[in-house]
Amino acid sequence: MSILDSTFNCSNCSKTLWLKYYKLPSGKIICPKCYDFYKNTVEIDKQMNRKKEIQNQ
């Protein structure tokens, strides 16, 4: 396997990924920067859902 065979492109920003990448549950391969954004978005969604559950009780 050559180096070019082991590279990926980020599904969000199209950045070429060589060694470090993350695979989302949906199967998308993304770069560390996009993964940080994804994790922050997921955490915000969780907090919003908790707030809505508390308000509904």
Protein backbone atom coordinates (compact mmCIF):
# COMPACT_ATOMS: atom_id res chain seq x y z
CA MET A 1 0.00 0.00 0.00
CA SER A 2 1.42 3.37 -0.94
CA ILE A 3 0.98 6.59 0.99
CA LEU A 4 -1.56 7.89 -1.49
CA ASP A 5 -3.73 4.81 -0.95
CA SER A 6 -3.98 5.59 2.77
CA THR A 7 -5.12 9.21 2.47
CA PHE A 8 -8.68 10.42 2.90
CA ASN A 9 -10.50 13.67 2.32
CA CYS A 10 -12.58 15.22 5.08
CA SER A 11 -16.28 14.91 4.26
CA ASN A 12 -16.96 18.43 5.56
CA CYS A 13 -14.03 20.61 4.49
CA SER A 14 -12.29 18.39 1.88
CA LYS A 15 -8.96 18.67 3.71
CA THR A 16 -6.56 15.82 2.86
CA LEU A 17 -6.07 13.60 5.88
CA TRP A 18 -2.87 11.60 6.25
CA LEU A 19 -2.62 10.08 9.71
CA LYS A 20 -5.21 11.54 12.06
CA TYR A 21 -8.90 11.40 11.27
CA TYR A 22 -12.15 10.48 12.99
CA LYS A 23 -14.99 8.31 11.78
CA LEU A 24 -18.47 9.43 12.82
CA PRO A 25 -21.28 6.99 13.65
CA SER A 26 -22.79 7.87 10.27
CA GLY A 27 -19.63 6.58 8.55
CA LYS A 28 -18.27 9.98 7.49
CA ILE A 29 -14.51 10.47 7.82
CA ILE A 30 -13.61 13.93 9.11
CA CYS A 31 -10.53 15.88 10.20
CA PRO A 32 -9.76 16.73 13.86
CA LYS A 33 -10.97 20.33 13.44
CA CYS A 34 -14.36 19.25 12.09
CA TYR A 35 -14.56 16.55 14.79
CA ASP A 36 -14.13 19.18 17.52
CA PHE A 37 -16.97 21.16 15.94
CA TYR A 38 -19.09 17.99 15.77
CA LYS A 39 -18.44 17.14 19.44
CA ASN A 40 -19.32 20.68 20.54
CA THR A 41 -22.53 20.54 18.51
CA VAL A 42 -23.49 17.20 20.06
CA GLU A 43 -22.85 18.53 23.58
CA ILE A 44 -24.96 21.64 22.92
CA ASP A 45 -27.78 19.44 21.58
CA LYS A 46 -27.63 17.26 24.71
CA GLN A 47 -27.82 20.31 26.96
CA MET A 48 -30.76 21.74 25.01
CA ASN A 49 -32.61 18.40 25.24
CA ARG A 50 -32.00 18.23 29.00
CA LYS A 51 -33.31 21.77 29.41
CA LYS A 52 -36.47 20.91 27.42
CA GLU A 53 -37.04 17.76 29.51
CA ILE A 54 -36.76 19.72 32.73
CA GLN A 55 -39.18 22.37 31.47
CA ASN A 56 -41.70 19.70 30.42
CA GLN A 57 -41.78 18.09 33.89
